[in-house]
Amino acid sequence: MMHSKMRWVILSLVFSLILAVLSAGCIHESPGRPESHIESGWQHADLEESQSEVLSHLKTITGSLNRAITSFNDREYDGCRAECEQLKRENREYAASIESFERRVTNASLSGSGEAYYDAQLSILRAIHKSVNESVSDLYLASEYASQGDDSHAMYHIQRAAAYVDAVYANIDRFNENVAVSNSGSVDFASPVPEPPDPEVVPSPEEVDLSDIPDPYYLHKTRFQNTPDEVKRLLGKGFITPYQCSSFDCSEMAAYIEWKLECHNVTAYIATRDNWRDGYGHAWVIVPLRGGKYLAIEPTVSATEGDLGAEMITYEPEYFVYDQLFEDIYGASRFFGVDEWDWWNKLELK
């Protein structure tokens, strides 16, 4: 079976991140009422209304952030980036509402705990705005890198996004704590949480040694067409060599089929998925057909007799959902290593 690589680790991180989002506490919209420190009741009502507007924007942001993380976790990277663009606009509106709130606080007649309370809450709201900006930027970049198969950079940015999302919800908790402190009559208000440190710098990708791949690898043979009948002819009776886990399994079989098709001028791709039916990784082949359609080839169907090569062909939808799609053996080997595909050490290169 194919081994799950860095992508599965990234998704596991995001899954834990989204659980943190879902389990975070609600924003308390009813602050303490330090009325004795405000000269007029209407000013207090005005501040409550302005703060309520800020928190309304913040609720919208947390909802959008949750959807963006869900999209990334579901590997819907285009949807994630669209949510991030929406989040940027919402965060600008949130920042404008903070500025309006701050002006009203400045114009109000505050003293003592009233001034301390609103100063503390404004500091936390501004810190949340900055953390949202950072998390959205990194989540956007993580989705771009993940969609391109650059898992090392995706890991760096998703770790950074996760840290800033944690900071958002930690500051929401502190905002709520300050509400409770104000209601108790105390003046020991919490300040924003510190900004998270950056993760370790992404290491430069190691150069994969491709010298073990036969040279030349793709040989020129009789020209076939990208049609189901031609593919069936090339598959013949399937594999005579039996399936052997971790030796001659789906990855070697898929690589061999891709090699044979390409050698006969049939365009073919190696597809991989980390979490297949049994929870392990899997590899198979996808062939684009004339007219814009596709067929898939399940490589583990093999026989010593009969016409089972044709039975390898499938049009089941699950075969067209994959994590990686490689054009050739070189791309697949750079990503997973040559040893994952080295069928030529088990079969004779013909």
Protein backbone atom coordinates (compact mmCIF):
# COMPACT_ATOMS: atom_id res chain seq x y z
CA MET A 1 0.00 0.00 0.00
CA MET A 2 1.04 3.59 -0.51
CA HIS A 3 2.24 5.44 2.57
CA SER A 4 0.40 8.62 3.64
CA LYS A 5 2.78 11.55 3.46
CA MET A 6 2.84 15.13 4.73
CA ARG A 7 -0.56 16.01 3.32
CA TRP A 8 -2.32 13.75 5.81
CA VAL A 9 -0.39 15.42 8.64
CA ILE A 10 -1.51 18.83 7.42
CA LEU A 11 -5.13 17.77 7.32
CA SER A 12 -4.87 16.28 10.79
CA LEU A 13 -3.60 19.62 12.07
CA VAL A 14 -6.47 21.47 10.47
CA PHE A 15 -8.96 18.98 11.84
CA SER A 16 -7.79 19.70 15.38
CA LEU A 17 -7.85 23.39 14.57
CA ILE A 18 -11.46 23.29 13.44
CA LEU A 19 -12.46 21.43 16.59
CA ALA A 20 -11.01 24.32 18.56
CA VAL A 21 -13.14 26.73 16.54
CA LEU A 22 -16.30 24.76 17.12
CA SER A 23 -15.71 24.38 20.84
CA ALA A 24 -14.82 28.03 21.48
CA GLY A 25 -17.05 29.99 23.82
CA CYS A 26 -19.58 32.57 22.74
CA ILE A 27 -18.94 36.29 22.83
CA HIS A 28 -20.65 37.98 25.74
CA GLU A 29 -22.48 40.95 24.32
CA SER A 30 -23.62 42.38 27.64
CA PRO A 31 -20.70 44.16 29.27
CA GLY A 32 -20.53 45.19 32.87
CA ARG A 33 -22.32 48.43 33.56
CA PRO A 34 -19.80 50.80 35.10
CA GLU A 35 -22.50 53.49 35.11
CA SER A 36 -21.12 55.25 38.15
CA HIS A 37 -18.10 56.19 36.04
CA ILE A 38 -20.13 57.66 33.15
CA GLU A 39 -21.72 61.03 33.64
CA SER A 40 -24.86 60.36 31.60
CA GLY A 41 -26.95 57.25 30.91
CA TRP A 42 -27.33 58.03 27.22
CA GLN A 43 -23.55 57.87 26.78
CA HIS A 44 -23.52 54.41 28.31
CA ALA A 45 -26.32 53.27 26.00
CA ASP A 46 -24.41 54.72 23.05
CA LEU A 47 -21.26 52.80 24.02
CA GLU A 48 -23.23 49.56 24.45
CA GLU A 49 -24.79 50.00 21.03
CA SER A 50 -21.40 50.67 19.42
CA GLN A 51 -19.79 47.71 21.17
CA SER A 52 -22.69 45.49 20.12
CA GLU A 53 -22.06 46.49 16.48
CA VAL A 54 -18.40 45.53 16.82
CA LEU A 55 -19.29 42.15 18.28
CA SER A 56 -21.83 41.54 15.54
CA HIS A 57 -19.04 41.96 12.95
CA LEU A 58 -16.85 39.64 15.01
CA LYS A 59 -19.51 36.92 15.03
CA THR A 60 -19.75 37.17 11.24
CA ILE A 61 -15.96 36.80 11.01
CA THR A 62 -15.81 33.73 13.23
CA GLY A 63 -18.53 32.08 11.15
CA SER A 64 -16.62 32.77 7.92
CA LEU A 65 -13.36 31.61 9.49
CA ASN A 66 -15.03 28.34 10.46
CA ARG A 67 -16.23 27.83 6.87
CA ALA A 68 -12.78 28.60 5.43
CA ILE A 69 -11.15 26.04 7.74
CA THR A 70 -13.81 23.48 6.87
CA SER A 71 -13.13 24.02 3.16
CA PHE A 72 -9.41 23.51 3.68
CA ASN A 73 -10.03 20.42 5.78
CA ASP A 74 -12.24 19.03 2.98
CA ARG A 75 -9.47 19.86 0.48
CA GLU A 76 -11.76 22.30 -1.31
CA TYR A 77 -8.93 24.77 -1.83
CA ASP A 78 -10.75 27.06 -4.27
CA GLY A 79 -13.59 27.37 -1.78
CA CYS A 80 -11.12 28.09 1.01
CA ARG A 81 -9.52 30.91 -0.94
CA ALA A 82 -12.94 32.38 -1.77
CA GLU A 83 -13.86 32.34 1.93
CA CYS A 84 -10.53 34.02 2.73
CA GLU A 85 -11.28 36.85 0.28
CA GLN A 86 -14.66 37.29 1.95
CA LEU A 87 -12.98 37.28 5.35
CA LYS A 88 -10.62 40.08 4.31
CA ARG A 89 -13.61 42.28 3.43
CA GLU A 90 -15.41 41.39 6.66
CA ASN A 91 -12.31 42.13 8.70
CA ARG A 92 -12.03 45.59 7.14
CA GLU A 93 -15.64 46.27 8.16
CA TYR A 94 -14.84 44.96 11.62
CA ALA A 95 -11.83 47.33 11.86
CA ALA A 96 -14.04 50.28 10.85
CA SER A 97 -16.54 49.39 13.59
CA ILE A 98 -13.70 49.28 16.15
CA GLU A 99 -12.60 52.78 15.09
CA SER A 100 -16.16 54.04 15.50
CA PHE A 101 -16.39 52.42 18.92
CA GLU A 102 -13.06 53.92 19.94
CA ARG A 103 -14.22 57.43 18.95
CA ARG A 104 -17.32 57.05 21.10
CA VAL A 105 -15.24 55.84 24.02
CA THR A 106 -12.95 58.85 23.61
CA ASN A 107 -15.91 61.26 23.47
CA ALA A 108 -17.62 59.70 26.52
CA SER A 109 -17.01 61.04 29.99
CA LEU A 110 -15.21 58.08 31.52
CA SER A 111 -13.16 57.72 34.65
CA GLY A 112 -11.84 55.01 36.91
CA SER A 113 -12.91 51.47 36.09
CA GLY A 114 -15.10 52.63 33.19
CA GLU A 115 -12.09 54.01 31.33
CA ALA A 116 -9.95 50.99 32.24
CA TYR A 117 -12.69 48.57 31.12
CA TYR A 118 -13.18 50.07 27.67
CA ASP A 119 -9.44 50.58 27.12
CA ALA A 120 -8.85 46.90 27.89
CA GLN A 121 -11.66 45.74 25.62
CA LEU A 122 -10.53 47.96 22.74
CA SER A 123 -7.01 46.56 23.01
CA ILE A 124 -8.39 43.02 22.79
CA LEU A 125 -10.67 43.83 19.84
CA ARG A 126 -7.75 45.36 17.94
CA ALA A 127 -5.59 42.31 18.70
CA ILE A 128 -8.35 40.06 17.34
CA HIS A 129 -8.43 42.13 14.14
CA LYS A 130 -4.69 41.64 13.63
CA SER A 131 -4.86 37.90 14.39
CA VAL A 132 -7.71 37.47 11.90
CA ASN A 133 -5.63 39.24 9.24
CA GLU A 134 -2.66 36.97 9.87
CA SER A 135 -4.68 33.75 10.02
CA VAL A 136 -6.59 34.55 6.82
CA SER A 137 -3.41 35.40 4.93
CA ASP A 138 -1.73 32.18 6.01
CA LEU A 139 -4.81 30.05 5.40
CA TYR A 140 -5.01 31.45 1.86
CA LEU A 141 -1.34 30.66 1.23
CA ALA A 142 -1.68 27.19 2.77
CA SER A 143 -4.54 26.38 0.39
CA GLU A 144 -2.49 27.58 -2.59
CA TYR A 145 0.55 25.50 -1.64
CA ALA A 146 -1.55 22.43 -0.79
CA SER A 147 -3.34 22.58 -4.15
CA GLN A 148 0.07 22.65 -5.86
CA GLY A 149 1.34 19.68 -3.86
CA ASP A 150 3.92 21.79 -1.97
CA ASP A 151 3.27 20.24 1.42
CA SER A 152 6.29 21.67 3.24
CA HIS A 153 5.19 25.27 2.62
CA ALA A 154 1.54 24.36 3.19
CA MET A 155 2.53 22.91 6.57
CA TYR A 156 4.36 26.10 7.55
CA HIS A 157 1.41 28.35 6.72
CA ILE A 158 -1.27 26.11 8.23
CA GLN A 159 0.72 25.95 11.47
CA ARG A 160 0.94 29.73 11.49
CA ALA A 161 -2.78 30.07 10.67
CA ALA A 162 -3.65 27.64 13.46
CA ALA A 163 -1.62 29.65 15.98
CA TYR A 164 -3.36 32.91 15.04
CA VAL A 165 -6.81 31.28 15.10
CA ASP A 166 -5.97 30.08 18.61
CA ALA A 167 -5.05 33.68 19.46
CA VAL A 168 -8.41 34.91 18.13
CA TYR A 169 -10.34 32.60 20.41
CA ALA A 170 -8.03 33.14 23.37
CA ASN A 171 -8.70 36.88 23.06
CA ILE A 172 -12.45 36.26 22.83
CA ASP A 173 -12.11 34.38 26.13
CA ARG A 174 -10.26 37.35 27.62
CA PHE A 175 -12.93 39.73 26.37
CA ASN A 176 -15.53 37.60 28.15
CA GLU A 177 -13.40 37.47 31.30
CA ASN A 178 -13.29 41.26 31.36
CA VAL A 179 -17.07 41.38 31.13
CA ALA A 180 -17.26 39.17 34.22
CA VAL A 181 -14.61 41.25 36.03
CA SER A 182 -16.55 44.45 35.31
CA ASN A 183 -19.78 42.89 36.57
CA SER A 184 -18.00 41.90 39.80
CA GLY A 185 -16.86 45.47 40.41
CA SER A 186 -13.15 44.64 40.07
CA VAL A 187 -10.70 46.59 37.92
CA ASP A 188 -8.23 43.74 37.25
CA PHE A 189 -8.83 43.57 33.50
CA ALA A 190 -6.99 41.17 31.19
CA SER A 191 -4.81 42.38 28.33
CA PRO A 192 -4.57 40.70 24.88
CA VAL A 193 -2.68 37.42 24.57
CA PRO A 194 0.85 37.72 23.15
CA GLU A 195 1.28 37.23 19.42
CA PRO A 196 2.25 33.64 18.60
CA PRO A 197 5.84 33.00 17.46
CA ASP A 198 6.45 31.92 13.90
CA PRO A 199 6.94 28.20 13.25
CA GLU A 200 10.33 26.95 12.21
CA VAL A 201 11.46 28.08 8.79
CA VAL A 202 10.46 25.72 6.02
CA PRO A 203 13.47 23.61 5.05
CA SER A 204 14.51 23.55 1.43
CA PRO A 205 13.08 20.49 -0.30
CA GLU A 206 15.60 17.70 -0.64
CA GLU A 207 16.61 16.74 -4.15
CA VAL A 208 15.36 13.24 -4.87
CA ASP A 209 17.86 10.90 -6.53
CA LEU A 210 16.18 9.66 -9.72
CA SER A 211 19.19 7.71 -10.98
CA ASP A 212 17.56 4.38 -10.10
CA ILE A 213 14.90 4.95 -12.76
CA PRO A 214 15.92 3.16 -15.99
CA ASP A 215 17.25 5.46 -18.70
CA PRO A 216 15.61 5.64 -21.13
CA TYR A 217 12.41 4.90 -19.25
CA TYR A 218 9.64 5.61 -21.76
CA LEU A 219 10.24 3.56 -24.90
CA HIS A 220 8.69 4.18 -28.30
CA LYS A 221 6.45 1.32 -29.39
CA THR A 222 3.40 0.84 -31.64
CA ARG A 223 1.10 3.85 -31.49
CA PHE A 224 -2.30 3.28 -29.88
CA GLN A 225 -5.19 5.70 -29.36
CA ASN A 226 -6.80 7.11 -26.20
CA THR A 227 -9.96 5.02 -26.54
CA PRO A 228 -11.41 2.36 -24.19
CA ASP A 229 -10.89 -0.41 -26.75
CA GLU A 230 -7.23 0.48 -27.27
CA VAL A 231 -6.64 0.65 -23.51
CA LYS A 232 -8.25 -2.80 -23.14
CA ARG A 233 -5.90 -4.19 -25.79
CA LEU A 234 -2.87 -2.86 -23.94
CA LEU A 235 -4.05 -4.19 -20.58
CA GLY A 236 -4.40 -7.66 -22.08
CA LYS A 237 -5.09 -10.27 -19.40
CA GLY A 238 -3.87 -8.14 -16.52
CA PHE A 239 -1.01 -8.99 -14.19
CA ILE A 240 0.31 -12.51 -13.95
CA THR A 241 2.69 -11.54 -11.15
CA PRO A 242 0.56 -11.60 -7.96
CA TYR A 243 -0.02 -8.67 -5.65
CA GLN A 244 2.58 -8.45 -2.86
CA CYS A 245 2.12 -5.86 -0.13
CA SER A 246 5.01 -3.36 0.11
CA SER A 247 6.83 -5.14 -2.73
CA PHE A 248 4.65 -5.34 -5.82
CA ASP A 249 1.47 -3.56 -4.82
CA CYS A 250 -0.80 -0.83 -6.15
CA SER A 251 1.97 1.74 -6.63
CA GLU A 252 4.29 -0.54 -8.64
CA MET A 253 1.32 -1.87 -10.60
CA ALA A 254 0.02 1.63 -11.37
CA ALA A 255 3.50 2.78 -12.42
CA TYR A 256 3.85 -0.19 -14.75
CA ILE A 257 0.46 0.44 -16.39
CA GLU A 258 1.25 4.13 -16.85
CA TRP A 259 4.61 3.20 -18.37
CA LYS A 260 3.08 0.68 -20.79
CA LEU A 261 0.34 3.06 -21.94
CA GLU A 262 2.73 5.98 -22.41
CA CYS A 263 5.16 3.81 -24.35
CA HIS A 264 2.30 3.15 -26.79
CA ASN A 265 1.41 6.84 -27.11
CA VAL A 266 -1.62 6.63 -24.78
CA THR A 267 -1.68 9.56 -22.36
CA ALA A 268 -1.99 8.31 -18.77
CA TYR A 269 -1.60 9.73 -15.26
CA ILE A 270 -0.77 8.16 -11.91
CA ALA A 271 -3.38 9.14 -9.30
CA THR A 272 -2.92 8.75 -5.54
CA ARG A 273 -5.15 9.17 -2.52
CA ASP A 274 -3.99 9.08 1.10
CA ASN A 275 -7.15 7.78 2.75
CA TRP A 276 -8.63 5.07 0.54
CA ARG A 277 -11.40 2.63 1.46
CA ASP A 278 -9.39 0.77 4.09
CA GLY A 279 -7.71 3.87 5.51
CA TYR A 280 -4.43 3.26 3.69
CA GLY A 281 -3.04 5.06 0.68
CA HIS A 282 -3.79 3.86 -2.84
CA ALA A 283 -2.54 4.43 -6.38
CA TRP A 284 -4.21 3.87 -9.72
CA VAL A 285 -4.18 5.20 -13.30
CA ILE A 286 -6.41 7.73 -15.05
CA VAL A 287 -6.63 7.99 -18.85
CA PRO A 288 -8.17 11.00 -20.63
CA LEU A 289 -10.31 9.89 -23.58
CA ARG A 290 -11.36 11.58 -26.76
CA GLY A 291 -14.32 13.90 -26.24
CA GLY A 292 -13.21 15.08 -22.81
CA LYS A 293 -14.17 11.95 -20.85
CA TYR A 294 -11.95 9.78 -18.65
CA LEU A 295 -11.54 6.19 -17.55
CA ALA A 296 -9.72 4.86 -14.51
CA ILE A 297 -7.70 1.66 -14.14
CA GLU A 298 -7.68 -0.27 -10.87
CA PRO A 299 -4.25 -1.93 -11.00
CA THR A 300 -4.73 -4.57 -8.32
CA VAL A 301 -7.10 -6.63 -10.48
CA SER A 302 -4.87 -9.42 -11.78
CA ALA A 303 -5.23 -12.99 -13.06
CA THR A 304 -3.30 -15.85 -14.55
CA GLU A 305 -5.94 -16.54 -17.15
CA GLY A 306 -9.07 -15.01 -18.62
CA ASP A 307 -9.67 -11.52 -19.96
CA LEU A 308 -9.43 -9.63 -16.64
CA GLY A 309 -7.37 -6.79 -18.08
CA ALA A 310 -10.61 -5.22 -19.29
CA GLU A 311 -12.05 -5.59 -15.78
CA MET A 312 -9.40 -3.21 -14.50
CA ILE A 313 -11.23 -0.37 -16.26
CA THR A 314 -13.71 1.51 -14.09
CA TYR A 315 -15.81 4.66 -14.30
CA GLU A 316 -16.71 4.74 -10.60
CA PRO A 317 -16.76 8.37 -9.33
CA GLU A 318 -14.46 7.64 -6.38
CA TYR A 319 -11.60 7.01 -8.81
CA PHE A 320 -11.76 10.59 -10.01
CA VAL A 321 -11.25 12.06 -6.54
CA TYR A 322 -7.54 12.06 -5.74
CA ASP A 323 -4.92 13.93 -3.75
CA GLN A 324 -2.18 13.90 -6.37
CA LEU A 325 -2.14 13.42 -10.13
CA PHE A 326 1.29 12.80 -11.67
CA GLU A 327 2.05 13.15 -15.37
CA ASP A 328 5.01 10.77 -15.27
CA ILE A 329 7.22 8.57 -13.11
CA TYR A 330 9.54 11.49 -12.36
CA GLY A 331 6.90 13.62 -10.65
CA ALA A 332 5.61 10.64 -8.68
CA SER A 333 9.15 9.72 -7.60
CA ARG A 334 10.01 13.25 -6.48
CA PHE A 335 6.92 13.27 -4.27
CA PHE A 336 6.98 9.74 -2.81
CA GLY A 337 10.47 8.49 -3.64
CA VAL A 338 11.65 6.09 -6.35
CA ASP A 339 11.27 3.00 -4.14
CA GLU A 340 7.50 3.43 -4.09
CA TRP A 341 7.24 2.79 -7.87
CA ASP A 342 10.19 0.57 -8.83
CA TRP A 343 8.28 -2.12 -10.69
CA TRP A 344 11.30 -2.61 -12.96
CA ASN A 345 13.05 -4.38 -10.08
CA LYS A 346 10.19 -6.92 -9.94
CA LEU A 347 9.26 -7.29 -13.61
CA GLU A 348 11.31 -7.43 -16.74
CA LEU A 349 11.40 -4.13 -18.63
CA LYS A 350 10.01 -5.02 -22.08
